[in-house]
Amino acid sequence: MSATGIVLYDFMGVPGGAEKLTRTLLQANPGTALCTGFVLPEAGWLVRRLDGPLIDLRAYSAIPALKIAKVIRAFSRRSPRLEAYDWALFSGSYAPLAALRTRARRNVLYCHTPPRFCYDLREHYRSQASILLRPALDALVAYLEPRYREAVNRMDVVVANSQNVQSRLARYLGRESVIVHPPIDTSGYRWEEDGDFYLSVARLEPLKRVGLLIDAFRGMPNRQLVVASGGSEATQLRQRAAGAANIRFTGWLEEEALQQLVGRCRAVLYIPVDEDFGMSPVEAMAAGKPVVGVAEGGLLETVLDGETGVLIEGAPDAMKVQAAVEALERLGPSSLRAACERQAQGFGRDTFVRRMHSILRDTTPARVG
């Protein structure tokens, strides 16, 4: 008899890396249930044509603070009882709280990162909040951090998506973990042509630093930039690019359209702050496209400087981005195609599925960490 499982993930709000990983887990385990805080239209395609039950907790709110509160409450009080499941996989910042009230036979956390507003980026988020909102943020941290810590301690196994996240888990939570890199659809991303545009697929959020890319390309009117994503900074960044005929925004795209765009670009740009892992650079390399990135976070585990892209040292700015683009042009983006495709193969979907099957179905009672 096959094992029955459930995946619990915060919410399906955008078609980002964590959401795609959730879809891969569900596809690889037919009949598995998905419990999520809510599903938005932008990410609706990720839950279409899945044959397991969808448990939508309907905790959405357009007000960010209320949305977080509703999702926390939903997983803490309204998530399904898990005792009937052979395994439960928790992922995200809020879904693990369900483990405080109910447990499957085997409980696994797939950690993209501990919630950074509680740990390494706590002061950053606090400084970005208005004076009026800081007490609410402090209250959220005070409520969530000990409960998240307790939930992590209740897991049978903790899986980190990278060495970078493994280090955070050890540093902030004192928890050991095993590493399973996220799955990359290396067959879905493929070389289409050597295009004439650079591509950004990072969410339009402050920590992704897409604004620096816009500033850089405003200063390079002879080079084209396509921004294929959305996020809270969408309006602000469109205004920042106003008047620049070489910068184009597409908004969120469904999977096939995005894959074609990656396959036709010249290279992908990705410069987030201390990225957890970063699936986008590996997807780019799977299509034979080099990456202009930063020498920090998960990119140090995926992009080979000078071989599959160019990594910017130190804090990036518009001039450093421009210099990195020109350095890549001197290397010749198309000349790096074979090296990029070869590097991406180490992060394929089959490896992820095989390792996660082993972890989820392991009946050994020993706890990792």
Foldseek 3Di string as FASTA:
>chain_A
DDFEEEEEEAEAEAPDQVLLLVLLLQVLPAQYEYEYQAHDPNRVVSPPPGRHHYHHLPQDDPDVLSSVVSSLCCLQPPDDAACVGQEYEYEDARNLLNQVPHGYVAYEYEYLAHPCCLPVCVVVVLVPDDPVCNVVSVVCSVVRVVSSLVSVVPHQAYEAQAPLRQVRCCVPNVFHHHYAHGAAALVLAAADEQAQAEEEADEPDVQFPVLQVLVLVLVVLVGAYEYAEYYPCRVVSCVSNPPRPRYYYDYHDDDNVVSVVLNHYNAYETEGDQRSADRVQLSSLSHLFAYEYACHHNCVVQHDDPQRAHHQYDDDGSVSSNVRVVVCVVSGGNVNRVVSNVSSVVRHSVSNSVVVVCSRPDPDSHGHD
